[in-house]
Amino acid sequence: MFGNVYNHRRVLVTGHSGFKGSHLVAWLLRLGSDVCGLALPPETETSHYTLLDLPIRSEWCDIRDAKNVERIVKDFRPEIVFHLAAQPLVRRSYSDPVETFSTNIAGTVNLLEALRGTEEVKAIVVVSSDKCYRNDESDLAHREDDPLGGYDPYSASKAGQEIVAASFRDSFFNPRGVLLGTARAGNVIGGGDWAADRLIPDLVRSAIAGKVEPLRSPDAVRPWQHVLEPLSGYLTLGQMLYEGSAFAAMGWNFGPDSLDTLTVGEVAAKFKKFFPQVNFRFAPQLDALHESKFLRLDCSKAKKELAWHGVWNAEEAIRRTAQWYRDFYDQGQINTASDLDSYIESAIKGELSWVK
């Protein structure tokens, strides 16, 4: 897979203790990478990262701690970097905007500054968000050249992260041949997510507690995808950057097809079909904190220029996510490895280029 680029490479993953980061590390280990993770310890009592017990070097460090970040980077000497460390929640950004801006913007500065002094690094993937775009609530899908912006602190911080990454790329990395790209993904689902204020984890927690989950924004439209979908995009982008494809050093959307852009209510209903214990009710809040109602991504550029394509549609992603949680709570079984096996098998059948 990925042209064996990751085999025996030193790969730094920030935010490795999170939902998406832990899945990425599991995949990198399968690809033969020597992985170092840099992150805060998991926030939730039950953690996907802890359950996986991954055999990597793990550095517990706040990305805002510039000296420690520099120490870790200099000691590990990464060749490829995936920057996922972030304050990732919109509602939390309202309650603590300082944490959000300092983590997502200043934290990115700290990492890129540390990498600026590292001779071995060749490829950097900064993971941003689909919320980095200025959202005018139209029904049009965002393209990579759309204006950046953000109403809430989280979205604004991700727009700021994009600007920081572009500045470091143009000012420092391009002149020395280090390639940096940014990745913008949609709403990810999958087994092992227990974060607060996310639809699937909230539904699962309520189901296990025998409660009815209120949906505050049932009509909000989002691009839903299984967590392995954007990760395949990140790994494809990292491969292109490492192999010296200068055209890849820019921003990229990794999202689902338009048919998989669903409302919150639609996703909840589909999830209940596969996880019958789930119960929910529509409870729109007129005085709720502002969140964008419409959010779609146009991923035609990644499909055309990176030859990247998704594998599972929303229905399959929801089915597998529900099965992961059902098996975990009923049998104590973790399906992460088998999900990755199935995903790769589906990609092979679809003759997708990155599995060759």
Protein backbone atom coordinates (compact mmCIF):
# COMPACT_ATOMS: atom_id res chain seq x y z
CA MET A 1 0.00 0.00 0.00
CA PHE A 2 1.04 3.59 -0.68
CA GLY A 3 4.06 2.40 -2.60
CA ASN A 4 5.76 1.17 0.60
CA VAL A 5 6.61 4.80 1.39
CA TYR A 6 5.83 4.34 5.08
CA ASN A 7 7.78 1.11 5.61
CA HIS A 8 10.70 1.73 8.03
CA ARG A 9 10.08 5.49 8.03
CA ARG A 10 10.10 7.57 11.19
CA VAL A 11 6.61 9.06 11.35
CA LEU A 12 5.50 11.62 13.94
CA VAL A 13 1.77 11.78 14.69
CA THR A 14 0.53 14.61 16.89
CA GLY A 15 -2.83 13.98 18.53
CA HIS A 16 -2.21 10.24 18.43
CA SER A 17 -4.27 9.60 21.57
CA GLY A 18 -7.46 10.88 19.92
CA PHE A 19 -10.11 9.04 17.93
CA LYS A 20 -8.72 9.79 14.48
CA GLY A 21 -5.08 9.78 15.58
CA SER A 22 -5.26 6.32 17.17
CA HIS A 23 -6.76 4.87 13.98
CA LEU A 24 -3.99 6.50 11.95
CA VAL A 25 -1.27 5.05 14.20
CA ALA A 26 -2.79 1.57 13.91
CA TRP A 27 -2.67 1.88 10.12
CA LEU A 28 0.89 3.23 10.10
CA LEU A 29 2.07 0.31 12.23
CA ARG A 30 0.55 -2.06 9.69
CA LEU A 31 2.52 -0.21 7.01
CA GLY A 32 5.75 -0.83 8.93
CA SER A 33 6.36 2.68 10.24
CA ASP A 34 8.40 3.62 13.30
CA VAL A 35 5.83 5.84 15.01
CA CYS A 36 6.22 8.49 17.69
CA GLY A 37 3.07 10.05 19.09
CA LEU A 38 2.86 13.51 20.66
CA ALA A 39 -0.34 14.38 22.50
CA LEU A 40 -2.13 14.93 25.76
CA PRO A 41 -3.33 11.79 27.56
CA PRO A 42 -6.83 10.62 26.57
CA GLU A 43 -9.56 12.75 28.14
CA THR A 44 -12.22 10.04 28.44
CA GLU A 45 -12.16 7.13 30.88
CA THR A 46 -12.70 4.72 27.98
CA SER A 47 -10.22 5.45 25.20
CA HIS A 48 -9.71 3.89 21.79
CA TYR A 49 -5.97 4.56 22.03
CA THR A 50 -5.71 2.83 25.42
CA LEU A 51 -7.79 -0.13 24.27
CA LEU A 52 -5.56 -0.69 21.24
CA ASP A 53 -2.39 -0.71 23.40
CA LEU A 54 -0.26 0.29 20.42
CA PRO A 55 3.50 -0.47 20.56
CA ILE A 56 4.80 3.02 19.81
CA ARG A 57 6.83 5.72 21.49
CA SER A 58 4.28 7.95 23.16
CA GLU A 59 5.19 11.43 24.40
CA TRP A 60 2.58 13.10 26.62
CA CYS A 61 3.04 16.74 25.76
CA ASP A 62 0.83 19.78 25.26
CA ILE A 63 1.32 21.03 21.70
CA ARG A 64 1.35 24.55 23.19
CA ASP A 65 4.56 23.72 25.10
CA ALA A 66 7.08 24.92 22.50
CA LYS A 67 10.20 23.72 24.34
CA ASN A 68 8.92 20.20 24.84
CA VAL A 69 7.66 19.99 21.27
CA GLU A 70 11.09 21.05 20.03
CA ARG A 71 12.81 18.50 22.30
CA ILE A 72 10.66 15.63 21.04
CA VAL A 73 11.05 16.58 17.39
CA LYS A 74 14.82 16.94 17.64
CA ASP A 75 15.17 13.63 19.45
CA PHE A 76 12.92 11.60 17.14
CA ARG A 77 14.03 13.23 13.85
CA PRO A 78 10.84 12.44 11.91
CA GLU A 79 10.86 11.94 8.15
CA ILE A 80 7.06 12.27 7.77
CA VAL A 81 4.69 14.21 10.03
CA PHE A 82 0.92 14.09 10.47
CA HIS A 83 -0.33 16.96 12.62
CA LEU A 84 -3.71 16.08 14.14
CA ALA A 85 -3.37 17.58 17.65
CA ALA A 86 -6.22 20.04 18.18
CA GLN A 87 -9.09 21.25 20.28
CA PRO A 88 -11.65 19.66 17.94
CA LEU A 89 -15.07 20.60 19.32
CA VAL A 90 -17.21 23.54 18.19
CA ARG A 91 -19.27 23.87 21.37
CA ARG A 92 -16.19 23.65 23.59
CA SER A 93 -14.64 26.47 21.58
CA TYR A 94 -17.42 28.77 22.80
CA SER A 95 -16.73 27.95 26.44
CA ASP A 96 -12.94 28.20 26.09
CA PRO A 97 -11.90 30.21 23.01
CA VAL A 98 -8.41 30.87 24.40
CA GLU A 99 -7.68 27.13 24.63
CA THR A 100 -9.05 26.66 21.12
CA PHE A 101 -7.03 29.41 19.44
CA SER A 102 -3.83 28.68 21.38
CA THR A 103 -4.00 24.94 20.67
CA ASN A 104 -5.03 25.07 17.04
CA ILE A 105 -3.02 28.09 15.91
CA ALA A 106 -0.13 28.56 18.35
CA GLY A 107 0.27 24.78 18.65
CA THR A 108 0.67 24.52 14.89
CA VAL A 109 3.25 27.31 14.97
CA ASN A 110 5.20 25.46 17.68
CA LEU A 111 5.30 22.23 15.70
CA LEU A 112 6.21 23.81 12.37
CA GLU A 113 8.92 25.92 14.00
CA ALA A 114 10.41 22.79 15.57
CA LEU A 115 10.29 20.99 12.21
CA ARG A 116 12.01 23.96 10.58
CA GLY A 117 15.15 22.94 12.45
CA THR A 118 14.91 19.25 11.48
CA GLU A 119 16.99 18.14 8.51
CA GLU A 120 15.39 14.70 8.05
CA VAL A 121 11.77 15.78 7.57
CA LYS A 122 10.55 15.57 3.98
CA ALA A 123 6.73 15.57 4.18
CA ILE A 124 4.26 17.32 6.48
CA VAL A 125 0.49 16.85 6.48
CA VAL A 126 -1.39 19.40 8.59
CA VAL A 127 -4.92 18.17 9.31
CA SER A 128 -7.34 21.06 9.29
CA SER A 129 -11.15 20.82 9.00
CA ASP A 130 -14.03 21.32 6.58
CA LYS A 131 -15.07 24.13 8.92
CA CYS A 132 -12.08 26.25 7.86
CA TYR A 133 -14.16 27.71 5.01
CA ARG A 134 -16.21 30.89 5.33
CA ASN A 135 -19.73 29.47 5.44
CA ASP A 136 -22.52 31.54 3.90
CA GLU A 137 -25.07 28.74 4.54
CA SER A 138 -25.51 28.08 0.83
CA ASP A 139 -26.13 24.58 -0.45
CA LEU A 140 -22.95 24.62 -2.55
CA ALA A 141 -20.05 22.32 -1.74
CA HIS A 142 -16.81 24.01 -0.68
CA ARG A 143 -13.84 23.87 -3.05
CA GLU A 144 -10.26 24.23 -1.90
CA ASP A 145 -9.95 27.75 -3.31
CA ASP A 146 -13.02 29.06 -1.47
CA PRO A 147 -12.43 31.87 1.07
CA LEU A 148 -11.36 30.85 4.58
CA GLY A 149 -13.28 32.07 7.59
CA GLY A 150 -15.22 31.00 10.65
CA TYR A 151 -18.10 32.24 12.81
CA ASP A 152 -17.37 30.18 15.92
CA PRO A 153 -13.91 30.09 17.55
CA TYR A 154 -13.23 26.52 16.40
CA SER A 155 -13.92 27.28 12.74
CA ALA A 156 -11.94 30.52 12.91
CA SER A 157 -9.02 28.71 14.54
CA LYS A 158 -8.96 26.18 11.71
CA ALA A 159 -8.93 28.96 9.13
CA GLY A 160 -6.03 30.47 11.07
CA GLN A 161 -4.25 27.13 11.09
CA GLU A 162 -4.51 26.99 7.31
CA ILE A 163 -2.98 30.46 6.99
CA VAL A 164 -0.14 29.56 9.36
CA ALA A 165 0.60 26.35 7.45
CA ALA A 166 0.66 28.20 4.13
CA SER A 167 2.99 30.85 5.52
CA PHE A 168 5.49 28.31 6.86
CA ARG A 169 5.27 26.37 3.60
CA ASP A 170 6.02 29.40 1.42
CA SER A 171 8.50 31.10 3.72
CA PHE A 172 10.54 28.22 5.10
CA PHE A 173 9.77 24.73 3.77
CA ASN A 174 9.49 25.25 0.00
CA PRO A 175 12.95 26.85 -0.27
CA ARG A 176 14.56 23.74 1.24
CA GLY A 177 12.46 21.17 -0.61
CA VAL A 178 10.23 20.11 2.30
CA LEU A 179 6.66 19.63 1.09
CA LEU A 180 3.65 20.57 3.24
CA GLY A 181 0.00 19.95 2.45
CA THR A 182 -3.18 20.52 4.43
CA ALA A 183 -6.12 18.14 4.64
CA ARG A 184 -9.75 19.12 5.23
CA ALA A 185 -12.17 16.31 6.08
CA GLY A 186 -15.85 16.06 6.93
CA ASN A 187 -17.62 14.59 9.95
CA VAL A 188 -15.97 11.27 10.78
CA ILE A 189 -17.62 8.33 12.49
CA GLY A 190 -16.39 4.89 13.49
CA GLY A 191 -15.81 2.68 16.47
CA GLY A 192 -13.92 3.97 19.48
CA ASP A 193 -15.07 7.59 19.65
CA TRP A 194 -16.23 8.70 23.10
CA ALA A 195 -15.79 12.47 22.72
CA ALA A 196 -18.44 14.82 24.07
CA ASP A 197 -20.88 16.65 21.79
CA ARG A 198 -20.54 14.25 18.87
CA LEU A 199 -23.60 12.56 17.45
CA ILE A 200 -22.65 8.87 17.49
CA PRO A 201 -20.90 8.87 20.89
CA ASP A 202 -23.85 10.78 22.39
CA LEU A 203 -26.33 8.26 20.93
CA VAL A 204 -24.27 5.32 22.22
CA ARG A 205 -23.90 6.77 25.72
CA SER A 206 -27.63 7.39 25.95
CA ALA A 207 -28.43 3.88 24.68
CA ILE A 208 -26.13 2.23 27.23
CA ALA A 209 -27.70 4.34 30.01
CA GLY A 210 -31.23 3.58 28.79
CA LYS A 211 -31.93 7.24 28.02
CA VAL A 212 -33.41 9.17 25.09
CA GLU A 213 -30.90 11.42 23.36
CA PRO A 214 -32.15 14.91 22.38
CA LEU A 215 -30.95 16.05 18.95
CA ARG A 216 -30.42 19.80 19.12
CA SER A 217 -29.79 20.29 15.37
CA PRO A 218 -31.65 17.47 13.57
CA ASP A 219 -31.76 19.37 10.26
CA ALA A 220 -28.07 20.28 10.14
CA VAL A 221 -26.43 18.89 6.98
CA ARG A 222 -22.93 17.41 7.22
CA PRO A 223 -20.57 15.32 5.04
CA TRP A 224 -20.47 12.00 6.97
CA GLN A 225 -17.73 9.43 6.41
CA HIS A 226 -16.04 6.53 8.18
CA VAL A 227 -12.82 7.54 9.93
CA LEU A 228 -10.75 5.34 7.60
CA GLU A 229 -11.88 7.39 4.58
CA PRO A 230 -10.02 10.64 5.35
CA LEU A 231 -7.10 8.65 6.78
CA SER A 232 -6.62 6.99 3.40
CA GLY A 233 -6.58 10.52 1.99
CA TYR A 234 -4.01 11.73 4.52
CA LEU A 235 -1.78 8.75 3.78
CA THR A 236 -2.14 9.28 0.04
CA LEU A 237 -1.22 12.93 0.45
CA GLY A 238 1.74 12.04 2.69
CA GLN A 239 2.97 9.58 0.06
CA MET A 240 2.79 12.17 -2.72
CA LEU A 241 4.61 14.75 -0.61
CA TYR A 242 7.34 12.32 0.44
CA GLU A 243 7.89 11.26 -3.16
CA GLY A 244 8.45 14.89 -4.14
CA SER A 245 5.19 15.76 -5.92
CA ALA A 246 5.34 19.54 -5.46
CA PHE A 247 1.81 20.04 -6.82
CA ALA A 248 0.49 18.20 -3.72
CA ALA A 249 1.82 20.90 -1.37
CA MET A 250 -1.50 22.71 -0.98
CA GLY A 251 -4.93 22.25 0.61
CA TRP A 252 -7.08 19.17 -0.16
CA ASN A 253 -10.65 18.13 0.63
CA PHE A 254 -11.24 14.52 1.66
CA GLY A 255 -14.97 13.97 2.01
CA PRO A 256 -17.82 11.72 0.91
CA ASP A 257 -19.85 11.79 -2.27
CA SER A 258 -22.84 14.14 -2.34
CA LEU A 259 -25.29 11.29 -1.64
CA ASP A 260 -23.59 10.79 1.73
CA THR A 261 -24.19 14.36 2.85
CA LEU A 262 -26.98 13.71 5.36
CA THR A 263 -28.82 15.54 8.12
CA VAL A 264 -28.16 14.75 11.76
CA GLY A 265 -31.66 13.28 12.00
CA GLU A 266 -31.08 11.00 9.02
CA VAL A 267 -27.83 9.66 10.47
CA ALA A 268 -29.46 9.04 13.85
CA ALA A 269 -32.29 7.10 12.19
CA LYS A 270 -29.88 4.97 10.16
CA PHE A 271 -27.75 4.32 13.25
CA LYS A 272 -30.82 3.16 15.20
CA LYS A 273 -31.55 0.63 12.45
CA PHE A 274 -28.25 -1.10 13.28
CA PHE A 275 -28.21 -0.30 17.03
CA PRO A 276 -31.85 -0.82 18.13
CA GLN A 277 -31.20 0.24 21.74
CA VAL A 278 -30.72 3.80 20.54
CA ASN A 279 -33.59 6.20 21.20
CA PHE A 280 -33.66 9.88 20.31
CA ARG A 281 -36.02 12.80 19.95
CA PHE A 282 -35.80 16.01 18.00
CA ALA A 283 -35.22 18.86 20.42
CA PRO A 284 -34.19 21.96 18.43
CA GLN A 285 -32.91 24.79 20.63
CA LEU A 286 -33.95 28.25 19.52
CA ASP A 287 -31.29 29.84 21.71
CA ALA A 288 -28.57 27.30 20.86
CA LEU A 289 -25.00 28.36 20.12
CA HIS A 290 -24.46 29.12 16.45
CA GLU A 291 -23.37 26.17 14.32
CA SER A 292 -23.43 26.05 10.53
CA LYS A 293 -26.53 24.38 9.11
CA PHE A 294 -25.14 23.42 5.70
CA LEU A 295 -21.66 21.99 5.14
CA ARG A 296 -20.57 20.10 2.04
CA LEU A 297 -17.21 19.37 0.43
CA ASP A 298 -16.27 19.17 -3.23
CA CYS A 299 -13.54 16.51 -3.42
CA SER A 300 -13.17 16.41 -7.20
CA LYS A 301 -9.62 17.79 -7.03
CA ALA A 302 -8.37 14.96 -4.78
CA LYS A 303 -10.10 12.39 -6.98
CA LYS A 304 -8.59 13.80 -10.17
CA GLU A 305 -5.10 14.85 -9.07
CA LEU A 306 -4.33 12.42 -6.21
CA ALA A 307 -6.37 9.51 -7.63
CA TRP A 308 -8.00 9.27 -4.21
CA HIS A 309 -11.50 7.86 -3.86
CA GLY A 310 -13.63 6.87 -0.90
CA VAL A 311 -14.46 3.21 -0.30
CA TRP A 312 -17.53 2.94 1.96
CA ASN A 313 -20.74 4.92 1.54
CA ALA A 314 -22.54 6.45 4.52
CA GLU A 315 -24.83 3.45 5.00
CA GLU A 316 -21.86 1.07 5.27
CA ALA A 317 -19.97 3.48 7.53
CA ILE A 318 -22.94 3.74 9.89
CA ARG A 319 -23.50 -0.04 9.86
CA ARG A 320 -19.88 -0.80 10.72
CA THR A 321 -19.79 1.89 13.40
CA ALA A 322 -22.89 0.46 15.08
CA GLN A 323 -21.44 -3.06 14.90
CA TRP A 324 -18.19 -1.87 16.50
CA TYR A 325 -20.01 -0.46 19.53
CA ARG A 326 -22.42 -3.40 19.81
CA ASP A 327 -19.53 -5.89 19.81
CA PHE A 328 -17.58 -3.78 22.29
CA TYR A 329 -20.39 -3.49 24.83
CA ASP A 330 -21.82 -7.00 24.31
CA GLN A 331 -18.60 -9.00 23.99
CA GLY A 332 -15.71 -6.69 24.93
CA GLN A 333 -14.50 -7.07 21.34
CA ILE A 334 -12.55 -4.38 19.45
CA ASN A 335 -13.16 -4.50 15.71
CA THR A 336 -10.63 -1.85 14.68
CA ALA A 337 -8.20 -4.28 13.02
CA SER A 338 -10.94 -6.21 11.24
CA ASP A 339 -12.53 -2.97 10.03
CA LEU A 340 -9.18 -1.96 8.54
CA ASP A 341 -8.86 -5.40 6.89
CA SER A 342 -12.33 -5.03 5.37
CA TYR A 343 -11.67 -1.48 4.24
CA ILE A 344 -8.45 -2.44 2.46
CA GLU A 345 -10.16 -5.46 0.89
CA SER A 346 -12.94 -3.21 -0.41
CA ALA A 347 -10.32 -0.82 -1.83
CA ILE A 348 -8.56 -3.69 -3.60
CA LYS A 349 -11.84 -4.84 -5.14
CA GLY A 350 -12.47 -1.28 -6.25
CA GLU A 351 -8.99 -1.19 -7.81
CA LEU A 352 -8.05 1.98 -5.96
CA SER A 353 -4.51 3.10 -6.71
CA TRP A 354 -3.29 3.62 -3.15
CA VAL A 355 -3.51 -0.08 -2.27
CA LYS A 356 -1.08 -1.07 -5.03
